[in-house]
Protein backbone atom coordinates (compact mmCIF):
# COMPACT_ATOMS: atom_id res chain seq x y z
CA MET A 1 -0.95 -6.60 25.13
CA ASN A 2 -2.61 -5.73 22.10
CA ASN A 3 -6.20 -6.45 20.75
CA THR A 4 -5.04 -9.25 18.57
CA GLY A 5 -2.58 -11.04 21.36
CA ALA A 6 -5.59 -10.73 24.20
CA ARG A 7 -7.95 -12.42 21.87
CA GLU A 8 -5.63 -15.25 21.33
CA VAL A 9 -5.00 -15.34 25.45
CA VAL A 10 -8.89 -15.50 25.70
CA HIS A 11 -9.14 -18.38 23.11
CA ALA A 12 -6.55 -20.34 24.68
CA VAL A 13 -8.01 -20.29 28.16
CA ALA A 14 -11.35 -21.12 26.94
CA ARG A 15 -10.45 -24.35 25.40
CA SER A 16 -8.87 -25.37 28.54
CA GLY A 17 -11.02 -24.49 31.42
CA PRO A 18 -14.64 -24.90 32.73
CA ILE A 19 -15.45 -21.07 33.31
CA ALA A 20 -16.66 -20.89 29.55
CA LEU A 21 -19.43 -18.60 30.09
CA LEU A 22 -17.19 -15.88 31.61
CA LEU A 23 -14.57 -16.50 29.20
CA ALA A 24 -17.02 -16.44 26.34
CA THR A 25 -18.00 -12.87 27.79
CA ALA A 26 -14.03 -11.73 27.83
CA LEU A 27 -13.88 -12.94 24.18
CA ALA A 28 -16.69 -10.96 22.78
CA ILE A 29 -14.95 -7.84 24.95
CA ALA A 30 -11.64 -8.77 23.15
CA GLU A 31 -13.36 -8.95 19.98
CA SER A 32 -15.39 -5.92 20.26
CA SER A 33 -12.00 -3.65 21.35
CA LEU A 34 -10.48 -5.04 18.10
CA ALA A 35 -12.96 -3.21 16.07
CA ALA A 36 -13.56 -0.15 18.44
CA ALA A 37 -9.49 0.53 18.52
CA ALA A 38 -8.48 3.53 17.63
CA PRO A 39 -7.73 3.66 13.86
CA ILE A 40 -3.95 3.75 12.23
CA LYS A 41 -2.58 7.01 12.67
CA LEU A 42 0.68 9.20 12.03
CA HIS A 43 2.80 8.31 14.61
CA PRO A 44 2.61 11.19 17.45
CA ALA A 45 6.79 11.35 17.82
CA ASN A 46 7.44 11.04 14.03
CA PRO A 47 4.70 11.88 11.62
CA ARG A 48 6.38 10.59 8.84
CA TYR A 49 5.52 7.02 9.88
CA PHE A 50 2.75 5.23 11.22
CA GLN A 51 1.37 3.95 14.65
CA TRP A 52 -1.05 1.24 14.52
CA ARG A 53 -2.47 -1.01 17.70
CA GLY A 54 -0.01 0.89 19.80
CA GLN A 55 3.16 0.06 17.84
CA PRO A 56 5.43 2.22 15.57
CA THR A 57 4.47 0.80 11.59
CA ILE A 58 5.74 1.05 8.21
CA ILE A 59 3.34 -0.50 5.82
CA ILE A 60 5.29 -3.37 3.05
CA THR A 61 2.89 -5.44 0.93
CA SER A 62 2.42 -7.27 -2.46
CA GLY A 63 -1.10 -6.99 -3.01
CA GLU A 64 -3.61 -7.66 -5.69
CA HIS A 65 -4.83 -5.57 -8.49
CA TYR A 66 -7.43 -3.84 -6.28
CA GLY A 67 -10.37 -5.70 -7.13
CA ALA A 68 -11.03 -8.06 -4.25
CA VAL A 69 -14.40 -6.82 -3.48
CA LEU A 70 -15.98 -5.61 -6.58
CA ASN A 71 -15.13 -8.99 -8.06
CA LEU A 72 -17.50 -11.76 -7.00
CA ASP A 73 -15.53 -14.65 -8.15
CA PHE A 74 -12.35 -13.37 -6.22
CA ASP A 75 -11.91 -15.13 -2.86
CA TYR A 76 -10.41 -12.67 -0.53
CA ARG A 77 -10.51 -14.72 2.33
CA ARG A 78 -8.14 -16.63 1.14
CA TYR A 79 -6.22 -13.54 -0.39
CA LEU A 80 -5.95 -12.31 2.92
CA ASP A 81 -4.64 -15.33 4.74
CA THR A 82 -2.04 -15.61 1.96
CA LEU A 83 -1.01 -12.07 2.98
CA ALA A 84 -0.91 -12.79 6.48
CA ARG A 85 1.12 -16.12 6.12
CA ASP A 86 3.66 -13.77 4.09
CA LYS A 87 3.68 -11.30 7.12
CA LEU A 88 2.99 -8.74 4.92
CA ASN A 89 0.51 -5.68 6.40
CA GLY A 90 -0.94 -3.80 3.50
CA THR A 91 -3.59 -4.15 0.64
CA ARG A 92 -5.21 -1.58 -1.76
CA LEU A 93 -8.95 -1.70 -2.91
CA TRP A 94 -11.25 -0.07 -5.31
CA ALA A 95 -14.46 1.11 -4.00
CA GLY A 96 -16.31 -0.02 -7.14
CA ALA A 97 -17.38 3.23 -8.98
CA TYR A 98 -14.49 2.28 -11.77
CA VAL A 99 -13.97 -1.34 -13.48
CA GLU A 100 -11.76 -2.71 -16.11
CA THR A 101 -12.21 -4.67 -19.14
CA ALA A 102 -10.31 -7.67 -20.91
CA GLY A 103 -7.17 -6.30 -22.40
CA ASN A 104 -6.67 -3.31 -20.23
CA PHE A 105 -2.86 -2.77 -19.62
CA LYS A 106 -2.26 -5.87 -21.42
CA ILE A 107 -3.12 -7.38 -18.12
CA ALA A 108 -3.96 -11.16 -17.86
CA ALA A 109 -6.34 -12.27 -15.21
CA ASN A 110 -7.02 -8.97 -14.29
CA THR A 111 -9.22 -8.67 -10.76
CA LEU A 112 -10.70 -5.70 -11.65
CA ASP A 113 -12.14 -7.23 -14.87
CA PRO A 114 -14.88 -9.35 -13.52
CA ALA A 115 -16.56 -12.23 -15.32
CA PRO A 116 -19.77 -11.09 -16.83
CA GLY A 117 -22.52 -10.77 -14.67
CA ARG A 118 -19.82 -10.85 -11.52
CA PHE A 119 -19.14 -7.13 -10.90
CA ILE A 120 -20.62 -5.93 -7.88
CA ALA A 121 -20.78 -2.18 -6.98
CA PRO A 122 -21.92 0.14 -4.34
CA TRP A 123 -25.39 0.89 -6.08
CA ALA A 124 -28.29 -1.45 -6.62
CA ARG A 125 -29.08 -3.10 -9.92
CA SER A 126 -32.57 -2.00 -11.27
CA GLY A 127 -34.96 -4.27 -12.91
CA GLU A 128 -34.06 -2.76 -16.42
CA PRO A 129 -31.70 -4.97 -18.32
CA GLY A 130 -28.69 -3.37 -20.47
CA TYR A 131 -25.67 -3.02 -18.36
CA ALA A 132 -22.81 -3.40 -20.87
CA ASP A 133 -20.78 -5.98 -19.13
CA GLY A 134 -23.82 -8.42 -18.28
CA GLY A 135 -26.89 -8.12 -15.86
CA ASN A 136 -29.03 -4.84 -15.42
CA LYS A 137 -28.44 -1.36 -15.14
CA PHE A 138 -27.62 0.47 -12.12
CA ASP A 139 -29.83 2.67 -10.02
CA LEU A 140 -27.40 5.49 -8.47
CA THR A 141 -30.32 6.48 -5.84
CA ARG A 142 -30.07 3.17 -3.93
CA TRP A 143 -27.09 0.99 -2.52
CA ASP A 144 -26.36 -2.58 -2.75
CA GLU A 145 -26.08 -3.66 0.90
CA ALA A 146 -24.69 -7.02 -0.46
CA PHE A 147 -21.77 -5.03 -1.59
CA PHE A 148 -21.59 -3.12 1.47
CA LYS A 149 -21.80 -6.46 3.36
CA ARG A 150 -18.85 -7.96 1.47
CA LEU A 151 -16.76 -5.02 1.59
CA LYS A 152 -17.33 -4.42 5.78
CA ASP A 153 -16.60 -8.68 5.80
CA PHE A 154 -13.18 -7.88 3.72
CA VAL A 155 -12.01 -5.09 5.79
CA GLY A 156 -13.14 -7.08 9.30
CA TYR A 157 -11.31 -10.12 8.31
CA ALA A 158 -8.15 -8.06 7.16
CA ALA A 159 -8.12 -6.29 10.67
CA LYS A 160 -7.86 -9.59 12.34
CA GLN A 161 -4.88 -10.67 9.78
CA GLY A 162 -3.15 -7.90 10.46
CA VAL A 163 -3.59 -6.21 7.10
CA VAL A 164 -4.47 -2.38 6.88
CA VAL A 165 -6.79 -1.43 3.89
CA GLU A 166 -6.24 1.59 1.39
CA VAL A 167 -9.80 2.21 0.45
CA ASN A 168 -9.40 4.28 -3.02
CA LEU A 169 -12.86 5.98 -3.90
CA PHE A 170 -12.35 6.84 -7.32
CA CYS A 171 -10.34 6.50 -10.72
CA PRO A 172 -10.12 8.56 -13.81
CA MET A 173 -11.10 6.53 -17.04
CA TYR A 174 -7.98 6.05 -18.84
CA GLU A 175 -9.86 4.07 -22.15
CA GLU A 176 -13.21 4.47 -23.45
CA SER A 177 -13.40 0.88 -22.48
CA MET A 178 -13.53 1.52 -18.73
CA TRP A 179 -16.08 4.52 -19.34
CA ALA A 180 -18.34 1.96 -21.34
CA VAL A 181 -18.64 -0.48 -18.58
CA CYS A 182 -18.70 2.51 -15.64
CA PRO A 183 -22.11 2.80 -13.51
CA MET A 184 -22.02 6.26 -13.86
CA ASN A 185 -22.26 6.39 -17.39
CA ALA A 186 -25.71 7.38 -18.38
CA ARG A 187 -25.84 4.05 -20.58
CA ASN A 188 -25.40 1.90 -17.48
CA ASN A 189 -27.90 3.46 -15.09
CA VAL A 190 -31.52 4.40 -14.87
CA ASN A 191 -31.19 7.81 -13.66
CA ALA A 192 -30.42 9.81 -16.81
CA LEU A 193 -26.99 10.74 -15.32
CA GLY A 194 -23.92 10.96 -16.76
CA HIS A 195 -24.23 11.79 -20.47
CA ILE A 196 -20.71 13.22 -20.58
CA ALA A 197 -17.31 12.34 -22.30
CA ARG A 198 -15.19 10.23 -20.15
CA GLN A 199 -13.27 12.74 -19.23
CA ASP A 200 -15.75 14.63 -17.25
CA PRO A 201 -17.27 12.18 -14.58
CA LEU A 202 -14.61 13.53 -11.76
CA THR A 203 -15.64 17.27 -12.16
CA LEU A 204 -17.59 20.07 -10.41
CA ASP A 205 -19.07 21.61 -13.28
CA LYS A 206 -19.36 19.10 -15.98
CA SER A 207 -20.33 15.78 -14.31
CA GLY A 208 -23.73 15.44 -15.65
CA GLY A 209 -25.63 15.15 -12.36
CA LEU A 210 -22.72 12.77 -10.69
CA LEU A 211 -21.40 15.22 -8.32
CA ALA A 212 -24.21 14.36 -5.80
CA VAL A 213 -24.02 10.96 -6.47
CA GLN A 214 -20.04 11.09 -5.52
CA GLU A 215 -20.58 12.93 -2.40
CA ALA A 216 -23.08 10.44 -1.28
CA MET A 217 -20.72 7.64 -1.98
CA VAL A 218 -17.72 9.06 -0.27
CA ARG A 219 -20.34 9.58 2.89
CA LYS A 220 -21.40 6.45 2.98
CA PHE A 221 -18.04 4.47 2.80
CA ALA A 222 -17.07 6.50 5.58
CA ALA A 223 -20.11 5.70 7.84
CA GLU A 224 -20.00 2.12 6.79
CA LEU A 225 -16.33 1.58 7.76
CA ARG A 226 -16.38 3.64 10.68
CA GLU A 227 -16.42 0.81 13.42
CA PHE A 228 -12.60 -0.56 11.52
CA ASP A 229 -8.95 0.60 12.74
CA ASN A 230 -7.28 -0.47 9.84
CA VAL A 231 -8.60 1.82 7.06
CA THR A 232 -7.24 4.78 4.99
CA PHE A 233 -8.99 6.66 2.28
CA GLU A 234 -7.21 7.54 -0.94
CA ILE A 235 -9.48 10.20 -2.78
CA VAL A 236 -8.76 9.20 -6.23
CA ASN A 237 -6.01 7.14 -8.19
CA GLU A 238 -3.78 9.03 -10.47
CA PRO A 239 -5.70 12.27 -10.97
CA TYR A 240 -2.65 13.62 -12.99
CA ILE A 241 -3.10 11.09 -15.59
CA LYS A 242 -2.87 12.92 -19.01
CA LYS A 243 -5.56 11.10 -20.84
CA ALA A 244 -8.40 12.05 -18.42
CA PRO A 245 -7.03 14.55 -15.85
CA VAL A 246 -9.03 15.18 -12.62
CA PRO A 247 -9.33 18.89 -11.70
CA ASP A 248 -7.55 19.91 -8.41
CA ALA A 249 -10.65 21.71 -7.28
CA TRP A 250 -12.80 18.40 -7.56
CA GLN A 251 -10.36 16.05 -5.46
CA ARG A 252 -10.39 19.12 -2.88
CA HIS A 253 -13.76 19.36 -2.72
CA MET A 254 -14.23 15.38 -2.34
CA THR A 255 -11.55 15.69 0.54
CA ASP A 256 -13.76 18.51 2.20
CA VAL A 257 -16.92 16.08 1.85
CA LEU A 258 -15.01 13.13 3.48
CA VAL A 259 -13.39 15.44 6.26
CA ASP A 260 -17.20 16.69 6.98
CA ALA A 261 -18.13 12.85 7.17
CA MET A 262 -15.86 12.02 10.04
CA LYS A 263 -16.11 15.62 11.50
CA ASP A 264 -17.63 13.89 14.63
CA TRP A 265 -15.41 11.12 14.89
CA PRO A 266 -12.94 10.58 17.98
CA GLN A 267 -9.97 9.97 15.39
CA PRO A 268 -11.03 10.27 11.50
CA PHE A 269 -9.13 7.89 9.40
CA LEU A 270 -5.96 9.11 7.30
CA ILE A 271 -6.30 10.73 4.40
CA SER A 272 -4.20 10.00 1.34
CA TRP A 273 -3.40 11.98 -2.08
CA ASN A 274 -1.76 10.28 -5.12
CA ILE A 275 0.52 12.94 -6.18
CA ALA A 276 2.53 11.87 -9.15
CA ASN A 277 4.16 8.86 -10.90
CA GLY A 278 7.85 8.72 -10.26
CA ARG A 279 8.70 12.08 -8.44
CA ALA A 280 7.20 15.51 -7.51
CA GLN A 281 7.24 18.19 -4.77
CA VAL A 282 3.87 18.94 -3.20
CA THR A 283 3.35 22.52 -3.10
CA ASN A 284 -0.22 23.44 -1.94
CA PRO A 285 -0.91 20.18 0.45
CA HIS A 286 -4.76 20.11 1.61
CA PRO A 287 -4.40 20.38 5.33
CA ALA A 288 -6.45 16.91 6.11
CA VAL A 289 -4.09 14.79 4.05
CA SER A 290 -1.54 13.12 5.99
CA LEU A 291 -0.23 10.51 3.40
CA PHE A 292 1.17 11.48 0.03
CA ASN A 293 1.41 8.38 -2.29
CA PHE A 294 3.80 7.81 -5.53
CA HIS A 295 3.84 5.35 -8.18
CA TYR A 296 6.81 3.75 -9.63
CA ALA A 297 8.86 5.91 -7.37
CA ALA A 298 12.65 4.77 -8.33
CA PRO A 299 14.73 6.38 -7.48
CA PRO A 300 13.08 7.46 -4.35
CA ASP A 301 14.01 11.06 -4.56
CA THR A 302 10.33 11.91 -4.05
CA VAL A 303 11.00 11.44 -0.37
CA ALA A 304 13.67 13.76 0.14
CA LEU A 305 11.61 15.98 -1.83
CA ASN A 306 8.60 16.34 0.16
CA TRP A 307 10.52 15.38 3.62
CA GLY A 308 9.64 18.98 5.09
CA LEU A 309 6.06 18.18 4.71
CA ASN A 310 6.39 16.06 8.17
CA ARG A 311 4.16 13.37 6.95
CA ALA A 312 4.23 10.01 5.49
CA ILE A 313 5.17 9.04 2.01
CA GLY A 314 4.28 6.20 0.06
CA ASP A 315 4.97 4.32 -2.97
CA ASN A 316 1.66 2.49 -3.76
CA GLU A 317 2.02 1.09 -7.07
CA THR A 318 4.84 -0.49 -8.94
CA GLY A 319 5.09 -2.14 -12.31
CA PHE A 320 6.20 -1.78 -16.06
CA ARG A 321 9.51 -2.61 -15.41
CA GLY A 322 9.17 -6.36 -16.45
CA THR A 323 8.20 -9.24 -14.65
CA HIS A 324 11.61 -10.05 -12.78
CA ASP A 325 11.98 -9.70 -8.89
CA THR A 326 14.97 -7.49 -8.69
CA PRO A 327 13.62 -4.11 -9.80
CA TYR A 328 10.55 -4.44 -7.40
CA ARG A 329 12.61 -5.76 -4.55
CA THR A 330 15.53 -2.63 -4.76
CA GLU A 331 12.81 -0.45 -5.34
CA ALA A 332 11.07 -1.59 -2.28
CA TRP A 333 14.69 -1.29 0.04
CA ASP A 334 15.55 1.92 -1.65
CA PHE A 335 12.08 3.42 -1.07
CA ILE A 336 12.05 2.65 2.51
CA LEU A 337 15.84 3.28 3.39
CA ALA A 338 15.02 6.46 1.91
CA GLY A 339 12.70 7.40 4.57
CA GLY A 340 9.23 6.05 3.07
CA ALA A 341 6.45 4.84 5.06
CA LEU A 342 4.40 2.63 2.86
CA PHE A 343 5.14 0.44 0.09
CA ASN A 344 2.44 -1.46 -2.02
CA HIS A 345 3.88 -3.64 -4.90
CA LEU A 346 1.59 -4.48 -7.50
CA ASP A 347 1.37 -8.32 -7.43
CA TYR A 348 -0.12 -9.85 -10.30
CA SER A 349 0.19 -13.53 -9.31
CA PHE A 350 -2.94 -12.77 -7.12
CA ALA A 351 -6.23 -13.94 -9.44
CA VAL A 352 -9.31 -15.30 -9.40
CA GLY A 353 -8.73 -19.18 -8.52
CA HIS A 354 -4.83 -18.25 -7.45
CA GLU A 355 -5.82 -16.22 -4.40
CA ASP A 356 -2.64 -17.55 -2.79
CA GLY A 357 -0.57 -15.62 -5.31
CA THR A 358 0.70 -18.68 -7.58
CA TYR A 359 -1.02 -17.50 -10.74
CA ALA A 360 1.84 -18.04 -13.70
CA TYR A 361 1.17 -14.88 -15.77
CA PRO A 362 2.69 -14.08 -19.29
CA PRO A 363 5.84 -12.14 -19.64
CA THR A 364 3.80 -9.41 -21.28
CA GLN A 365 2.48 -8.66 -17.92
CA PRO A 366 3.22 -4.99 -16.98
CA GLY A 367 4.72 -6.07 -13.45
CA GLY A 368 5.73 -9.18 -11.74
CA GLY A 369 5.01 -10.69 -8.16
CA ASN A 370 5.28 -14.40 -6.54
CA PRO A 371 5.87 -16.30 -3.58
CA THR A 372 9.56 -15.92 -3.59
CA LEU A 373 9.31 -12.08 -4.06
CA ARG A 374 6.87 -11.56 -1.10
CA ARG A 375 9.40 -13.63 1.01
CA GLN A 376 11.66 -10.57 0.30
CA PHE A 377 9.58 -8.26 0.94
CA ARG A 378 9.24 -9.78 4.21
CA ILE A 379 12.80 -9.68 4.97
CA LEU A 380 12.82 -5.92 4.65
CA ARG A 381 9.49 -5.68 6.79
CA ASP A 382 11.47 -7.47 9.10
CA PHE A 383 14.70 -6.01 9.04
CA ILE A 384 13.40 -2.35 9.28
CA HIS A 385 10.97 -3.27 12.42
CA ASP A 386 14.20 -4.38 13.96
CA PHE A 387 15.15 -0.75 14.34
CA ASP A 388 13.88 2.04 16.51
CA PHE A 389 12.72 3.89 13.11
CA VAL A 390 10.76 6.50 14.52
CA ARG A 391 14.02 7.74 15.87
CA MET A 392 15.62 7.73 12.28
CA LYS A 393 16.26 9.77 9.47
CA PRO A 394 17.64 9.29 6.08
CA ASP A 395 21.56 10.45 5.99
CA ASN A 396 23.46 9.48 3.62
CA SER A 397 26.37 11.64 4.62
CA ILE A 398 27.86 9.09 7.12
CA ILE A 399 29.02 7.06 3.90
CA LYS A 400 32.15 8.31 3.22
CA GLY A 401 33.09 5.80 0.07
CA GLY A 402 33.34 2.49 -0.96
CA ILE A 403 30.37 2.02 -2.91
CA PRO A 404 30.70 -0.26 -5.76
CA ALA A 405 30.95 1.37 -9.32
CA GLY A 406 28.00 2.95 -10.59
CA GLY A 407 25.70 1.81 -7.35
CA THR A 408 24.33 3.32 -4.69
CA ALA A 409 23.94 3.49 -0.91
CA ARG A 410 21.26 4.70 1.14
CA ALA A 411 21.57 5.14 5.22
CA LEU A 412 18.61 5.55 7.63
CA VAL A 413 20.08 6.81 10.93
CA GLU A 414 19.29 7.22 14.45
CA PRO A 415 21.54 10.15 15.51
CA GLY A 416 24.08 8.64 18.15
CA GLY A 417 22.67 5.47 17.19
CA ALA A 418 21.89 2.62 15.14
CA CYS A 419 22.26 2.53 11.05
CA ALA A 420 20.23 0.75 8.43
CA ILE A 421 22.27 1.06 5.11
CA TYR A 422 21.49 -0.35 1.98
CA VAL A 423 23.73 -1.02 -1.12
CA ARG A 424 22.70 -1.38 -4.45
CA GLN A 425 25.04 -2.69 -7.51
CA THR A 426 23.39 -0.78 -10.41
CA ALA A 427 21.60 2.60 -10.04
CA ALA A 428 17.66 2.35 -11.05
CA THR A 429 17.01 5.50 -13.39
CA GLY A 430 12.98 6.24 -13.33
CA LYS A 431 11.46 3.21 -14.99
CA THR A 432 14.99 1.46 -16.05
CA PRO A 433 14.79 -2.24 -15.05
CA ALA A 434 18.30 -2.17 -13.68
CA GLN A 435 18.37 -5.65 -13.88
CA SER A 436 21.79 -7.64 -12.35
CA PRO A 437 25.21 -7.48 -13.93
CA GLY A 438 25.26 -10.85 -12.83
CA SER A 439 29.00 -10.44 -11.74
CA PRO A 440 29.60 -10.57 -7.98
CA VAL A 441 31.10 -7.47 -6.28
CA THR A 442 32.17 -6.39 -2.93
CA ALA A 443 31.77 -3.05 -1.02
CA GLY A 444 34.29 -1.95 1.41
CA LEU A 445 31.74 0.90 2.87
CA GLN A 446 33.68 3.84 4.94
CA VAL A 447 31.05 4.49 7.60
CA ALA A 448 31.54 7.50 9.72
CA LEU A 449 30.19 6.63 13.49
CA PRO A 450 30.19 8.39 16.67
CA ALA A 451 31.97 6.83 19.65
CA GLY A 452 30.96 3.53 20.85
CA ARG A 453 31.19 -0.05 20.36
CA TRP A 454 29.34 -0.98 17.41
CA ARG A 455 28.61 -4.72 15.74
CA ALA A 456 28.18 -4.60 11.89
CA GLU A 457 26.05 -7.16 10.40
CA TRP A 458 25.63 -7.63 6.46
CA LEU A 459 22.23 -9.21 5.15
CA ASP A 460 21.21 -10.95 2.03
CA PRO A 461 17.91 -9.15 1.16
CA LYS A 462 17.12 -12.24 -1.13
CA VAL A 463 17.29 -14.80 1.56
CA GLY A 464 17.38 -12.95 5.01
CA ALA A 465 20.46 -14.53 5.98
CA VAL A 466 23.25 -12.85 7.73
CA VAL A 467 26.37 -13.52 5.85
CA ALA A 468 28.95 -11.78 7.30
CA ARG A 469 29.76 -9.88 10.74
CA ALA A 470 32.24 -7.35 12.15
CA ALA A 471 32.84 -5.53 14.96
CA VAL A 472 34.10 -1.99 15.80
CA GLU A 473 35.08 0.67 18.22
CA GLY A 474 35.68 4.38 18.61
CA ALA A 475 34.67 7.47 16.93
CA GLY A 476 35.45 7.97 13.29
CA ILE A 477 35.32 6.62 9.81
CA HIS A 478 35.16 2.76 9.72
CA THR A 479 35.89 0.69 6.67
CA LEU A 480 33.19 -2.50 6.89
CA ASN A 481 33.88 -4.83 4.12
CA SER A 482 31.23 -6.80 2.72
CA PRO A 483 31.34 -10.37 1.02
CA GLU A 484 30.81 -10.83 -2.49
CA PHE A 485 26.92 -10.28 -3.63
CA THR A 486 25.11 -9.45 -6.55
CA ASP A 487 22.29 -6.64 -6.93
CA ASP A 488 22.06 -5.74 -3.31
CA ILE A 489 23.11 -6.18 0.24
CA ALA A 490 22.32 -4.59 3.56
CA LEU A 491 23.79 -3.62 6.62
CA ARG A 492 22.89 -3.10 10.30
CA ILE A 493 25.00 -1.33 12.74
CA VAL A 494 24.11 -1.22 16.42
CA ARG A 495 25.68 -0.33 19.43
CA ARG A 496 27.18 -3.78 20.89
């Protein structure tokens, strides 16, 4: 039984019996063990996936735009309740060294754009007015304990709801408007630090005195979050962005600082690097990095490119493919069936006042998200967790034919055992939306199977229903005919 289950049992017994004191003690121990449990790590039998609370884990989620803690108006408990209800198990969080302004990326109701005076950062406010977006300037030598109280409450509540939190420590300044409201900008702090251009704060040699501030922040986050089991750290979001590229030397240095901050821990938290938009091959990985994240990874070629790293590969931001569900559902299925370990859809239906994910964003929004799409992500999560995926690897060679014209099929295979196959009606190329062609098709997949008796089930990824079944027997190439479908269909093959 995991810690969550033990806690629930103790709660139930405590309500029904007279031994309240004894059970209250047991409850306290169970609660304590939840916080003290070993943090999420790479799976020891297959480090391309995770192990969390003793279970093989793939993270599949649809999270808000990273401002849950730094935006004081955002009800993060309601948000985390929504993720838990939707059976999604991850979220991405900005640490407060970066904040956005109205109109950035054409995002309506942006959680990274707090209302004036409602931005809370790791650093305390000073007594001097003049912060660009309302309130007093920051003092980069003092921590804001209210921020860290809010951060720890967020992470602790996420732990209880079964949600892993990726804490992203830094982000480059894409536009002057972002640098204008950054606490590290000398105009916004009382420490005379950061008299520099927006391209320079995340550098070793041109940071205007900010390097020591950043090192201290990394250590502070590690110390504050050490007690939890549901945290991973990403050093910097999109360091490769052309408008303000972050030097590799700076990212390596901050990785070293974080490693040093966790050096005495029984099990340090996982560290991730964000590698590229789309695809790229990692050529010189830092030895402490366990998770390599990509954005807009459709098609998921980057998984195969980096398979030899023997580390987890993630697609932790989507968008810029319209507001319809199809591009993002198919991106998720493609990525996970290609062998990915993490998928995080950037879900714009979460906003202040709509922390239940019901915000009706305009068609100009750079991405999508809604309750229906989150249910579809849950279908994928349930589908993949039904397999012993730690024993599986991508192997499209078992598919010998029968793919719809212009479509794709991906197979995740346990050698000699179960197969998970995903068929797309129309292939995506880069950021091309690949909307539905609108005409139903069928697939007569020719699948090579070893000797045995096999049960095949066709699943509709939109609703989660099994829409057809078949049984085959013996080694060889078997033709498995799907029912008519539009957009996509999944196939589960297991031994009878």
